[in-house]
Amino acid sequence: VLAIPYAFAPAGYLNEQYGDFASMLTSMAVDKSGHFVPTDFTAPFTSAGLPMPEFAATIVRVVVALLTLSTVLWFDRKLQPGMAGLTIFLTAAFYLCVFNPRVEPNTYAMIAVPVGR
């Protein structure tokens, strides 16, 4: 599976991407030099000097996850199959972009293709 992209892109570019992926993955797993700063919905509060406690953020994530699940189930039952798949994906991607503490800036690209449809 890792070799398939080499059929469509330059090898140097892919080697660099795989290297960046490996270094980011290992640095996130082992780097204990500093405090973890989430980049999810809590970031604006933190930058405004009002950090949200982890327990409160977890409660918000769980409540919104349950709301997202109920929304997805409703979409699955009420919409046509093609439209349901698109809206379910967009709802899940939105949840991941806004409420995942490990979200990366490029995560928002997940939403671009379906929205551009």
PDB file of N, CA and C in Angstrom:
ATOM      1  N   VAL A   1       0.826  -1.189   0.000  1.00  0.00           N
ATOM      2  CA  VAL A   1       0.000   0.000   0.000  1.00  0.00           C
ATOM      3  C   VAL A   1       0.871   1.254   0.000  1.00  0.00           C
ATOM      4  N   LEU A   2       1.973   1.218   0.718  1.00  0.00           N
ATOM      5  CA  LEU A   2       2.845   2.386   0.769  1.00  0.00           C
ATOM      6  C   LEU A   2       3.547   2.647  -0.560  1.00  0.00           C
ATOM      7  N   ALA A   3       3.624   1.637  -1.415  1.00  0.00           N
ATOM      8  CA  ALA A   3       4.306   1.799  -2.701  1.00  0.00           C
ATOM      9  C   ALA A   3       3.397   2.375  -3.785  1.00  0.00           C
ATOM     10  N   ILE A   4       2.094   2.302  -3.618  1.00  0.00           N
ATOM     11  CA  ILE A   4       1.158   2.762  -4.653  1.00  0.00           C
ATOM     12  C   ILE A   4       1.364   4.229  -5.024  1.00  0.00           C
ATOM     13  N   PRO A   5       1.558   5.151  -4.079  1.00  0.00           N
ATOM     14  CA  PRO A   5       1.745   6.557  -4.473  1.00  0.00           C
ATOM     15  C   PRO A   5       2.934   6.797  -5.396  1.00  0.00           C
ATOM     16  N   TYR A   6       3.936   5.923  -5.368  1.00  0.00           N
ATOM     17  CA  TYR A   6       5.105   6.100  -6.235  1.00  0.00           C
ATOM     18  C   TYR A   6       4.737   6.011  -7.716  1.00  0.00           C
ATOM     19  N   ALA A   7       3.596   5.436  -8.031  1.00  0.00           N
ATOM     20  CA  ALA A   7       3.152   5.368  -9.426  1.00  0.00           C
ATOM     21  C   ALA A   7       2.584   6.703  -9.902  1.00  0.00           C
ATOM     22  N   PHE A   8       2.290   7.610  -8.964  1.00  0.00           N
ATOM     23  CA  PHE A   8       1.605   8.847  -9.326  1.00  0.00           C
ATOM     24  C   PHE A   8       2.351  10.125  -8.959  1.00  0.00           C
ATOM     25  N   ALA A   9       3.438  10.020  -8.199  1.00  0.00           N
ATOM     26  CA  ALA A   9       4.148  11.227  -7.757  1.00  0.00           C
ATOM     27  C   ALA A   9       5.650  10.971  -7.774  1.00  0.00           C
ATOM     28  N   PRO A  10       6.449  12.033  -7.818  1.00  0.00           N
ATOM     29  CA  PRO A  10       7.908  11.876  -7.815  1.00  0.00           C
ATOM     30  C   PRO A  10       8.400  11.198  -6.531  1.00  0.00           C
ATOM     31  N   ALA A  11       9.387  10.341  -6.678  1.00  0.00           N
ATOM     32  CA  ALA A  11       9.905   9.571  -5.543  1.00  0.00           C
ATOM     33  C   ALA A  11      10.487  10.476  -4.465  1.00  0.00           C
ATOM     34  N   GLY A  12      11.193  11.527  -4.845  1.00  0.00           N
ATOM     35  CA  GLY A  12      11.781  12.432  -3.854  1.00  0.00           C
ATOM     36  C   GLY A  12      10.728  13.084  -2.975  1.00  0.00           C
ATOM     37  N   TYR A  13       9.639  13.503  -3.603  1.00  0.00           N
ATOM     38  CA  TYR A  13       8.540  14.126  -2.857  1.00  0.00           C
ATOM     39  C   TYR A  13       7.923  13.134  -1.874  1.00  0.00           C
ATOM     40  N   LEU A  14       7.669  11.915  -2.346  1.00  0.00           N
ATOM     41  CA  LEU A  14       7.061  10.910  -1.475  1.00  0.00           C
ATOM     42  C   LEU A  14       7.990  10.512  -0.338  1.00  0.00           C
ATOM     43  N   ASN A  15       9.285  10.377  -0.636  1.00  0.00           N
ATOM     44  CA  ASN A  15      10.233  10.047   0.430  1.00  0.00           C
ATOM     45  C   ASN A  15      10.233  11.126   1.502  1.00  0.00           C
ATOM     46  N   GLU A  16      10.164  12.388   1.073  1.00  0.00           N
ATOM     47  CA  GLU A  16      10.121  13.494   2.033  1.00  0.00           C
ATOM     48  C   GLU A  16       8.830  13.447   2.861  1.00  0.00           C
ATOM     49  N   GLN A  17       7.708  13.152   2.210  1.00  0.00           N
ATOM     50  CA  GLN A  17       6.433  13.071   2.927  1.00  0.00           C
ATOM     51  C   GLN A  17       6.441  11.931   3.940  1.00  0.00           C
ATOM     52  N   TYR A  18       6.933  10.770   3.534  1.00  0.00           N
ATOM     53  CA  TYR A  18       7.011   9.640   4.456  1.00  0.00           C
ATOM     54  C   TYR A  18       7.960   9.941   5.613  1.00  0.00           C
ATOM     55  N   GLY A  19       9.068  10.624   5.325  1.00  0.00           N
ATOM     56  CA  GLY A  19      10.003  11.008   6.389  1.00  0.00           C
ATOM     57  C   GLY A  19       9.375  11.976   7.370  1.00  0.00           C
ATOM     58  N   ASP A  20       8.660  12.985   6.850  1.00  0.00           N
ATOM     59  CA  ASP A  20       7.958  13.932   7.727  1.00  0.00           C
ATOM     60  C   ASP A  20       6.907  13.228   8.571  1.00  0.00           C
ATOM     61  N   PHE A  21       6.178  12.300   7.961  1.00  0.00           N
ATOM     62  CA  PHE A  21       5.162  11.553   8.698  1.00  0.00           C
ATOM     63  C   PHE A  21       5.792  10.777   9.847  1.00  0.00           C
ATOM     64  N   ALA A  22       6.886  10.085   9.567  1.00  0.00           N
ATOM     65  CA  ALA A  22       7.546   9.291  10.603  1.00  0.00           C
ATOM     66  C   ALA A  22       8.089  10.173  11.718  1.00  0.00           C
ATOM     67  N   SER A  23       8.688  11.308  11.362  1.00  0.00           N
ATOM     68  CA  SER A  23       9.241  12.180  12.406  1.00  0.00           C
ATOM     69  C   SER A  23       8.138  12.817  13.237  1.00  0.00           C
ATOM     70  N   MET A  24       7.031  13.217  12.604  1.00  0.00           N
ATOM     71  CA  MET A  24       5.922  13.784  13.372  1.00  0.00           C
ATOM     72  C   MET A  24       5.292  12.740  14.279  1.00  0.00           C
ATOM     73  N   LEU A  25       5.130  11.536  13.768  1.00  0.00           N
ATOM     74  CA  LEU A  25       4.516  10.476  14.554  1.00  0.00           C
ATOM     75  C   LEU A  25       5.364  10.131  15.767  1.00  0.00           C
ATOM     76  N   THR A  26       6.664  10.013  15.560  1.00  0.00           N
ATOM     77  CA  THR A  26       7.527   9.671  16.692  1.00  0.00           C
ATOM     78  C   THR A  26       7.688  10.840  17.649  1.00  0.00           C
ATOM     79  N   SER A  27       7.730  12.063  17.143  1.00  0.00           N
ATOM     80  CA  SER A  27       7.888  13.203  18.050  1.00  0.00           C
ATOM     81  C   SER A  27       6.640  13.406  18.897  1.00  0.00           C
ATOM     82  N   MET A  28       5.473  13.145  18.343  1.00  0.00           N
ATOM     83  CA  MET A  28       4.244  13.289  19.120  1.00  0.00           C
ATOM     84  C   MET A  28       4.132  12.188  20.164  1.00  0.00           C
ATOM     85  N   ALA A  29       4.695  11.035  19.875  1.00  0.00           N
ATOM     86  CA  ALA A  29       4.583   9.916  20.798  1.00  0.00           C
ATOM     87  C   ALA A  29       5.612   9.981  21.917  1.00  0.00           C
ATOM     88  N   VAL A  30       6.784  10.530  21.664  1.00  0.00           N
ATOM     89  CA  VAL A  30       7.857  10.479  22.655  1.00  0.00           C
ATOM     90  C   VAL A  30       8.276  11.819  23.229  1.00  0.00           C
ATOM     91  N   ASP A  31       7.900  12.912  22.617  1.00  0.00           N
ATOM     92  CA  ASP A  31       8.359  14.215  23.087  1.00  0.00           C
ATOM     93  C   ASP A  31       7.634  14.615  24.367  1.00  0.00           C
ATOM     94  N   LYS A  32       8.342  14.526  25.473  1.00  0.00           N
ATOM     95  CA  LYS A  32       7.772  14.905  26.766  1.00  0.00           C
ATOM     96  C   LYS A  32       8.432  16.176  27.294  1.00  0.00           C
ATOM     97  N   SER A  33       9.104  16.921  26.416  1.00  0.00           N
ATOM     98  CA  SER A  33       9.858  18.095  26.858  1.00  0.00           C
ATOM     99  C   SER A  33       8.963  19.262  27.243  1.00  0.00           C
ATOM    100  N   GLY A  34       7.771  19.313  26.701  1.00  0.00           N
ATOM    101  CA  GLY A  34       6.890  20.437  27.010  1.00  0.00           C
ATOM    102  C   GLY A  34       5.470  19.980  27.257  1.00  0.00           C
ATOM    103  N   HIS A  35       4.663  20.899  27.748  1.00  0.00           N
ATOM    104  CA  HIS A  35       3.258  20.612  28.002  1.00  0.00           C
ATOM    105  C   HIS A  35       2.503  20.537  26.682  1.00  0.00           C
ATOM    106  N   PHE A  36       1.631  19.567  26.554  1.00  0.00           N
ATOM    107  CA  PHE A  36       0.838  19.408  25.341  1.00  0.00           C
ATOM    108  C   PHE A  36      -0.190  20.534  25.246  1.00  0.00           C
ATOM    109  N   VAL A  37      -0.212  21.201  24.109  1.00  0.00           N
ATOM    110  CA  VAL A  37      -1.160  22.289  23.881  1.00  0.00           C
ATOM    111  C   VAL A  37      -2.135  21.843  22.795  1.00  0.00           C
ATOM    112  N   PRO A  38      -3.384  21.573  23.156  1.00  0.00           N
ATOM    113  CA  PRO A  38      -4.343  21.136  22.144  1.00  0.00           C
ATOM    114  C   PRO A  38      -4.703  22.268  21.185  1.00  0.00           C
ATOM    115  N   THR A  39      -5.074  21.893  19.970  1.00  0.00           N
ATOM    116  CA  THR A  39      -5.437  22.892  18.962  1.00  0.00           C
ATOM    117  C   THR A  39      -6.885  22.729  18.531  1.00  0.00           C
ATOM    118  N   ASP A  40      -7.728  22.330  19.455  1.00  0.00           N
ATOM    119  CA  ASP A  40      -9.135  22.137  19.136  1.00  0.00           C
ATOM    120  C   ASP A  40      -9.958  23.333  19.599  1.00  0.00           C
ATOM    121  N   PHE A  41     -11.193  23.113  19.966  1.00  0.00           N
ATOM    122  CA  PHE A  41     -12.077  24.211  20.352  1.00  0.00           C
ATOM    123  C   PHE A  41     -11.622  24.925  21.619  1.00  0.00           C
ATOM    124  N   THR A  42     -10.719  24.332  22.387  1.00  0.00           N
ATOM    125  CA  THR A  42     -10.227  24.971  23.613  1.00  0.00           C
ATOM    126  C   THR A  42      -9.148  26.012  23.329  1.00  0.00           C
ATOM    127  N   ALA A  43      -8.555  25.995  22.150  1.00  0.00           N
ATOM    128  CA  ALA A  43      -7.453  26.910  21.823  1.00  0.00           C
ATOM    129  C   ALA A  43      -7.837  28.386  21.927  1.00  0.00           C
ATOM    130  N   PRO A  44      -9.000  28.811  21.425  1.00  0.00           N
ATOM    131  CA  PRO A  44      -9.337  30.236  21.579  1.00  0.00           C
ATOM    132  C   PRO A  44      -9.460  30.663  23.042  1.00  0.00           C
ATOM    133  N   PHE A  45      -9.994  29.778  23.875  1.00  0.00           N
ATOM    134  CA  PHE A  45     -10.101  30.105  25.301  1.00  0.00           C
ATOM    135  C   PHE A  45      -8.719  30.245  25.929  1.00  0.00           C
ATOM    136  N   THR A  46      -7.817  29.331  25.570  1.00  0.00           N
ATOM    137  CA  THR A  46      -6.460  29.369  26.108  1.00  0.00           C
ATOM    138  C   THR A  46      -5.732  30.621  25.654  1.00  0.00           C
ATOM    139  N   SER A  47      -5.854  30.973  24.382  1.00  0.00           N
ATOM    140  CA  SER A  47      -5.158  32.167  23.889  1.00  0.00           C
ATOM    141  C   SER A  47      -5.749  33.448  24.470  1.00  0.00           C
ATOM    142  N   ALA A  48      -7.004  33.402  24.911  1.00  0.00           N
ATOM    143  CA  ALA A  48      -7.625  34.570  25.540  1.00  0.00           C
ATOM    144  C   ALA A  48      -7.322  34.638  27.035  1.00  0.00           C
ATOM    145  N   GLY A  49      -6.538  33.667  27.533  1.00  0.00           N
ATOM    146  CA  GLY A  49      -6.184  33.664  28.944  1.00  0.00           C
ATOM    147  C   GLY A  49      -7.211  32.985  29.830  1.00  0.00           C
ATOM    148  N   LEU A  50      -8.132  32.243  29.228  1.00  0.00           N
ATOM    149  CA  LEU A  50      -9.158  31.519  29.976  1.00  0.00           C
ATOM    150  C   LEU A  50      -9.070  30.025  29.672  1.00  0.00           C
ATOM    151  N   PRO A  51      -8.004  29.358  30.134  1.00  0.00           N
ATOM    152  CA  PRO A  51      -7.858  27.940  29.791  1.00  0.00           C
ATOM    153  C   PRO A  51      -9.005  27.101  30.355  1.00  0.00           C
ATOM    154  N   MET A  52      -9.484  26.190  29.535  1.00  0.00           N
ATOM    155  CA  MET A  52     -10.569  25.306  29.943  1.00  0.00           C
ATOM    156  C   MET A  52      -9.969  24.072  30.614  1.00  0.00           C
ATOM    157  N   PRO A  53     -10.467  23.690  31.790  1.00  0.00           N
ATOM    158  CA  PRO A  53      -9.947  22.480  32.441  1.00  0.00           C
ATOM    159  C   PRO A  53     -10.167  21.247  31.554  1.00  0.00           C
ATOM    160  N   GLU A  54      -9.247  20.296  31.640  1.00  0.00           N
ATOM    161  CA  GLU A  54      -9.330  19.101  30.801  1.00  0.00           C
ATOM    162  C   GLU A  54     -10.624  18.333  31.035  1.00  0.00           C
ATOM    163  N   PHE A  55     -11.061  18.275  32.290  1.00  0.00           N
ATOM    164  CA  PHE A  55     -12.295  17.547  32.596  1.00  0.00           C
ATOM    165  C   PHE A  55     -13.488  18.197  31.901  1.00  0.00           C
ATOM    166  N   ALA A  56     -13.566  19.519  31.942  1.00  0.00           N
ATOM    167  CA  ALA A  56     -14.669  20.229  31.282  1.00  0.00           C
ATOM    168  C   ALA A  56     -14.612  20.033  29.769  1.00  0.00           C
ATOM    169  N   ALA A  57     -13.415  20.086  29.207  1.00  0.00           N
ATOM    170  CA  ALA A  57     -13.265  19.877  27.762  1.00  0.00           C
ATOM    171  C   ALA A  57     -13.695  18.463  27.378  1.00  0.00           C
ATOM    172  N   THR A  58     -13.376  17.493  28.222  1.00  0.00           N
ATOM    173  CA  THR A  58     -13.779  16.112  27.952  1.00  0.00           C
ATOM    174  C   THR A  58     -15.294  15.976  27.992  1.00  0.00           C
ATOM    175  N   ILE A  59     -15.928  16.622  28.952  1.00  0.00           N
ATOM    176  CA  ILE A  59     -17.392  16.582  29.036  1.00  0.00           C
ATOM    177  C   ILE A  59     -18.006  17.183  27.770  1.00  0.00           C
ATOM    178  N   VAL A  60     -17.479  18.317  27.330  1.00  0.00           N
ATOM    179  CA  VAL A  60     -17.988  18.950  26.104  1.00  0.00           C
ATOM    180  C   VAL A  60     -17.798  18.013  24.918  1.00  0.00           C
ATOM    181  N   ARG A  61     -16.628  17.376  24.816  1.00  0.00           N
ATOM    182  CA  ARG A  61     -16.364  16.453  23.703  1.00  0.00           C
ATOM    183  C   ARG A  61     -17.349  15.288  23.703  1.00  0.00           C
ATOM    184  N   VAL A  62     -17.619  14.725  24.883  1.00  0.00           N
ATOM    185  CA  VAL A  62     -18.537  13.582  24.974  1.00  0.00           C
ATOM    186  C   VAL A  62     -19.956  13.999  24.591  1.00  0.00           C
ATOM    187  N   VAL A  63     -20.407  15.137  25.094  1.00  0.00           N
ATOM    188  CA  VAL A  63     -21.759  15.610  24.772  1.00  0.00           C
ATOM    189  C   VAL A  63     -21.893  15.867  23.273  1.00  0.00           C
ATOM    190  N   VAL A  64     -20.907  16.531  22.699  1.00  0.00           N
ATOM    191  CA  VAL A  64     -20.968  16.815  21.260  1.00  0.00           C
ATOM    192  C   VAL A  64     -20.831  15.522  20.452  1.00  0.00           C
ATOM    193  N   ALA A  65     -20.054  14.562  20.936  1.00  0.00           N
ATOM    194  CA  ALA A  65     -19.942  13.274  20.245  1.00  0.00           C
ATOM    195  C   ALA A  65     -21.294  12.568  20.210  1.00  0.00           C
ATOM    196  N   LEU A  66     -22.022  12.608  21.309  1.00  0.00           N
ATOM    197  CA  LEU A  66     -23.349  11.989  21.332  1.00  0.00           C
ATOM    198  C   LEU A  66     -24.321  12.723  20.408  1.00  0.00           C
ATOM    199  N   LEU A  67     -24.240  14.045  20.386  1.00  0.00           N
ATOM    200  CA  LEU A  67     -25.073  14.817  19.455  1.00  0.00           C
ATOM    201  C   LEU A  67     -24.705  14.506  18.002  1.00  0.00           C
ATOM    202  N   THR A  68     -23.406  14.372  17.738  1.00  0.00           N
ATOM    203  CA  THR A  68     -22.944  14.029  16.389  1.00  0.00           C
ATOM    204  C   THR A  68     -23.448  12.647  15.988  1.00  0.00           C
ATOM    205  N   LEU A  69     -23.367  11.697  16.914  1.00  0.00           N
ATOM    206  CA  LEU A  69     -23.858  10.345  16.632  1.00  0.00           C
ATOM    207  C   LEU A  69     -25.349  10.360  16.327  1.00  0.00           C
ATOM    208  N   SER A  70     -26.122  11.076  17.124  1.00  0.00           N
ATOM    209  CA  SER A  70     -27.566  11.122  16.865  1.00  0.00           C
ATOM    210  C   SER A  70     -27.865  11.809  15.533  1.00  0.00           C
ATOM    211  N   THR A  71     -27.099  12.834  15.196  1.00  0.00           N
ATOM    212  CA  THR A  71     -27.281  13.516  13.911  1.00  0.00           C
ATOM    213  C   THR A  71     -26.962  12.580  12.749  1.00  0.00           C
ATOM    214  N   VAL A  72     -25.878  11.835  12.883  1.00  0.00           N
ATOM    215  CA  VAL A  72     -25.478  10.896  11.832  1.00  0.00           C
ATOM    216  C   VAL A  72     -26.538   9.806  11.653  1.00  0.00           C
ATOM    217  N   LEU A  73     -27.067   9.290  12.754  1.00  0.00           N
ATOM    218  CA  LEU A  73     -28.114   8.268  12.654  1.00  0.00           C
ATOM    219  C   LEU A  73     -29.371   8.839  11.994  1.00  0.00           C
ATOM    220  N   TRP A  74     -29.699  10.077  12.310  1.00  0.00           N
ATOM    221  CA  TRP A  74     -30.860  10.713  11.681  1.00  0.00           C
ATOM    222  C   TRP A  74     -30.626  10.870  10.181  1.00  0.00           C
ATOM    223  N   PHE A  75     -29.423  11.349   9.801  1.00  0.00           N
ATOM    224  CA  PHE A  75     -29.094  11.482   8.377  1.00  0.00           C
ATOM    225  C   PHE A  75     -29.212  10.138   7.668  1.00  0.00           C
ATOM    226  N   ASP A  76     -28.740   9.082   8.314  1.00  0.00           N
ATOM    227  CA  ASP A  76     -28.755   7.751   7.709  1.00  0.00           C
ATOM    228  C   ASP A  76     -30.182   7.280   7.445  1.00  0.00           C
ATOM    229  N   ARG A  77     -31.094   7.625   8.322  1.00  0.00           N
ATOM    230  CA  ARG A  77     -32.479   7.157   8.185  1.00  0.00           C
ATOM    231  C   ARG A  77     -33.326   8.036   7.275  1.00  0.00           C
ATOM    232  N   LYS A  78     -33.030   9.321   7.209  1.00  0.00           N
ATOM    233  CA  LYS A  78     -33.926  10.254   6.528  1.00  0.00           C
ATOM    234  C   LYS A  78     -33.483  10.676   5.125  1.00  0.00           C
ATOM    235  N   LEU A  79     -32.205  10.588   4.822  1.00  0.00           N
ATOM    236  CA  LEU A  79     -31.719  11.095   3.538  1.00  0.00           C
ATOM    237  C   LEU A  79     -31.511   9.971   2.534  1.00  0.00           C
ATOM    238  N   GLN A  80     -31.449  10.353   1.264  1.00  0.00           N
ATOM    239  CA  GLN A  80     -31.137   9.398   0.204  1.00  0.00           C
ATOM    240  C   GLN A  80     -29.711   8.885   0.406  1.00  0.00           C
ATOM    241  N   PRO A  81     -29.404   7.660  -0.024  1.00  0.00           N
ATOM    242  CA  PRO A  81     -28.083   7.070   0.248  1.00  0.00           C
ATOM    243  C   PRO A  81     -26.885   7.935  -0.146  1.00  0.00           C
ATOM    244  N   GLY A  82     -26.865   8.516  -1.327  1.00  0.00           N
ATOM    245  CA  GLY A  82     -25.722   9.337  -1.740  1.00  0.00           C
ATOM    246  C   GLY A  82     -25.560  10.573  -0.885  1.00  0.00           C
ATOM    247  N   MET A  83     -26.655  11.268  -0.668  1.00  0.00           N
ATOM    248  CA  MET A  83     -26.618  12.477   0.149  1.00  0.00           C
ATOM    249  C   MET A  83     -26.331  12.130   1.608  1.00  0.00           C
ATOM    250  N   ALA A  84     -26.851  11.006   2.074  1.00  0.00           N
ATOM    251  CA  ALA A  84     -26.602  10.593   3.460  1.00  0.00           C
ATOM    252  C   ALA A  84     -25.114  10.341   3.679  1.00  0.00           C
ATOM    253  N   GLY A  85     -24.475   9.667   2.745  1.00  0.00           N
ATOM    254  CA  GLY A  85     -23.041   9.399   2.881  1.00  0.00           C
ATOM    255  C   GLY A  85     -22.224  10.675   2.938  1.00  0.00           C
ATOM    256  N   LEU A  86     -22.566  11.623   2.085  1.00  0.00           N
ATOM    257  CA  LEU A  86     -21.857  12.902   2.063  1.00  0.00           C
ATOM    258  C   LEU A  86     -22.054  13.663   3.364  1.00  0.00           C
ATOM    259  N   THR A  87     -23.286  13.760   3.821  1.00  0.00           N
ATOM    260  CA  THR A  87     -23.541  14.520   5.048  1.00  0.00           C
ATOM    261  C   THR A  87     -22.975  13.825   6.277  1.00  0.00           C
ATOM    262  N   ILE A  88     -22.994  12.505   6.292  1.00  0.00           N
ATOM    263  CA  ILE A  88     -22.397  11.775   7.419  1.00  0.00           C
ATOM    264  C   ILE A  88     -20.895  12.021   7.457  1.00  0.00           C
ATOM    265  N   PHE A  89     -20.247  11.947   6.296  1.00  0.00           N
ATOM    266  CA  PHE A  89     -18.806  12.207   6.257  1.00  0.00           C
ATOM    267  C   PHE A  89     -18.489  13.622   6.718  1.00  0.00           C
ATOM    268  N   LEU A  90     -19.242  14.602   6.212  1.00  0.00           N
ATOM    269  CA  LEU A  90     -18.990  15.997   6.594  1.00  0.00           C
ATOM    270  C   LEU A  90     -19.236  16.228   8.080  1.00  0.00           C
ATOM    271  N   THR A  91     -20.263  15.603   8.631  1.00  0.00           N
ATOM    272  CA  THR A  91     -20.540  15.749  10.062  1.00  0.00           C
ATOM    273  C   THR A  91     -19.406  15.156  10.887  1.00  0.00           C
ATOM    274  N   ALA A  92     -18.952  13.966  10.516  1.00  0.00           N
ATOM    275  CA  ALA A  92     -17.846  13.334  11.244  1.00  0.00           C
ATOM    276  C   ALA A  92     -16.554  14.129  11.083  1.00  0.00           C
ATOM    277  N   ALA A  93     -16.293  14.620   9.881  1.00  0.00           N
ATOM    278  CA  ALA A  93     -15.081  15.415   9.656  1.00  0.00           C
ATOM    279  C   ALA A  93     -15.121  16.713  10.450  1.00  0.00           C
ATOM    280  N   PHE A  94     -16.282  17.349  10.514  1.00  0.00           N
ATOM    281  CA  PHE A  94     -16.420  18.567  11.309  1.00  0.00           C
ATOM    282  C   PHE A  94     -16.128  18.276  12.777  1.00  0.00           C
ATOM    283  N   TYR A  95     -16.682  17.181  13.289  1.00  0.00           N
ATOM    284  CA  TYR A  95     -16.426  16.818  14.683  1.00  0.00           C
ATOM    285  C   TYR A  95     -14.927  16.627  14.916  1.00  0.00           C
ATOM    286  N   LEU A  96     -14.275  15.898  14.020  1.00  0.00           N
ATOM    287  CA  LEU A  96     -12.839  15.658  14.185  1.00  0.00           C
ATOM    288  C   LEU A  96     -12.032  16.945  14.103  1.00  0.00           C
ATOM    289  N   CYS A  97     -12.407  17.836  13.201  1.00  0.00           N
ATOM    290  CA  CYS A  97     -11.666  19.092  13.054  1.00  0.00           C
ATOM    291  C   CYS A  97     -11.808  19.998  14.269  1.00  0.00           C
ATOM    292  N   VAL A  98     -12.978  20.051  14.849  1.00  0.00           N
ATOM    293  CA  VAL A  98     -13.228  21.004  15.926  1.00  0.00           C
ATOM    294  C   VAL A  98     -12.973  20.415  17.310  1.00  0.00           C
ATOM    295  N   PHE A  99     -13.230  19.136  17.509  1.00  0.00           N
ATOM    296  CA  PHE A  99     -13.184  18.578  18.860  1.00  0.00           C
ATOM    297  C   PHE A  99     -12.054  17.582  19.102  1.00  0.00           C
ATOM    298  N   ASN A 100     -11.210  17.316  18.124  1.00  0.00           N
ATOM    299  CA  ASN A 100     -10.069  16.430  18.310  1.00  0.00           C
ATOM    300  C   ASN A 100      -8.884  17.252  18.815  1.00  0.00           C
ATOM    301  N   PRO A 101      -8.367  16.962  20.012  1.00  0.00           N
ATOM    302  CA  PRO A 101      -7.265  17.780  20.540  1.00  0.00           C
ATOM    303  C   PRO A 101      -5.978  17.672  19.732  1.00  0.00           C
ATOM    304  N   ARG A 102      -5.814  16.642  18.946  1.00  0.00           N
ATOM    305  CA  ARG A 102      -4.603  16.466  18.140  1.00  0.00           C
ATOM    306  C   ARG A 102      -4.801  16.903  16.693  1.00  0.00           C
ATOM    307  N   VAL A 103      -5.779  17.751  16.439  1.00  0.00           N
ATOM    308  CA  VAL A 103      -6.048  18.179  15.069  1.00  0.00           C
ATOM    309  C   VAL A 103      -4.845  18.948  14.525  1.00  0.00           C
ATOM    310  N   GLU A 104      -4.567  18.730  13.269  1.00  0.00           N
ATOM    311  CA  GLU A 104      -3.477  19.409  12.578  1.00  0.00           C
ATOM    312  C   GLU A 104      -4.090  20.440  11.633  1.00  0.00           C
ATOM    313  N   PRO A 105      -3.335  21.469  11.258  1.00  0.00           N
ATOM    314  CA  PRO A 105      -3.894  22.459  10.321  1.00  0.00           C
ATOM    315  C   PRO A 105      -4.361  21.847   9.000  1.00  0.00           C
ATOM    316  N   ASN A 106      -3.704  20.791   8.546  1.00  0.00           N
ATOM    317  CA  ASN A 106      -4.105  20.192   7.270  1.00  0.00           C
ATOM    318  C   ASN A 106      -5.317  19.282   7.401  1.00  0.00           C
ATOM    319  N   THR A 107      -5.783  19.031   8.614  1.00  0.00           N
ATOM    320  CA  THR A 107      -6.965  18.196   8.808  1.00  0.00           C
ATOM    321  C   THR A 107      -8.186  18.818   8.145  1.00  0.00           C
ATOM    322  N   TYR A 108      -8.230  20.131   8.093  1.00  0.00           N
ATOM    323  CA  TYR A 108      -9.377  20.813   7.507  1.00  0.00           C
ATOM    324  C   TYR A 108      -9.516  20.534   6.016  1.00  0.00           C
ATOM    325  N   ALA A 109      -8.483  20.003   5.391  1.00  0.00           N
ATOM    326  CA  ALA A 109      -8.563  19.651   3.972  1.00  0.00           C
ATOM    327  C   ALA A 109      -9.545  18.508   3.737  1.00  0.00           C
ATOM    328  N   MET A 110      -9.849  17.721   4.787  1.00  0.00           N
ATOM    329  CA  MET A 110     -10.825  16.633   4.643  1.00  0.00           C
ATOM    330  C   MET A 110     -12.173  17.162   4.176  1.00  0.00           C
ATOM    331  N   ILE A 111     -12.502  18.361   4.593  1.00  0.00           N
ATOM    332  CA  ILE A 111     -13.815  18.914   4.291  1.00  0.00           C
ATOM    333  C   ILE A 111     -13.859  19.530   2.893  1.00  0.00           C
ATOM    334  N   ALA A 112     -12.723  19.900   2.347  1.00  0.00           N
ATOM    335  CA  ALA A 112     -12.683  20.656   1.089  1.00  0.00           C
ATOM    336  C   ALA A 112     -13.286  19.904  -0.090  1.00  0.00           C
ATOM    337  N   VAL A 113     -12.930  18.663  -0.277  1.00  0.00           N
ATOM    338  CA  VAL A 113     -13.394  17.923  -1.456  1.00  0.00           C
ATOM    339  C   VAL A 113     -14.905  17.697  -1.428  1.00  0.00           C
ATOM    340  N   PRO A 114     -15.473  17.179  -0.329  1.00  0.00           N
ATOM    341  CA  PRO A 114     -16.930  16.986  -0.338  1.00  0.00           C
ATOM    342  C   PRO A 114     -17.710  18.296  -0.439  1.00  0.00           C
ATOM    343  N   VAL A 115     -17.216  19.347   0.171  1.00  0.00           N
ATOM    344  CA  VAL A 115     -17.921  20.627   0.101  1.00  0.00           C
ATOM    345  C   VAL A 115     -17.860  21.181  -1.317  1.00  0.00           C
ATOM    346  N   GLY A 116     -16.763  20.929  -2.011  1.00  0.00           N
ATOM    347  CA  GLY A 116     -16.616  21.403  -3.378  1.00  0.00           C
ATOM    348  C   GLY A 116     -17.456  20.639  -4.379  1.00  0.00           C
ATOM    349  N   ARG A 117     -18.074  19.581  -3.930  1.00  0.00           N
ATOM    350  CA  ARG A 117     -18.904  18.746  -4.797  1.00  0.00           C
ATOM    351  C   ARG A 117     -20.015  19.537  -5.310  1.00  0.00           C
TER     352      ARG A 117
END
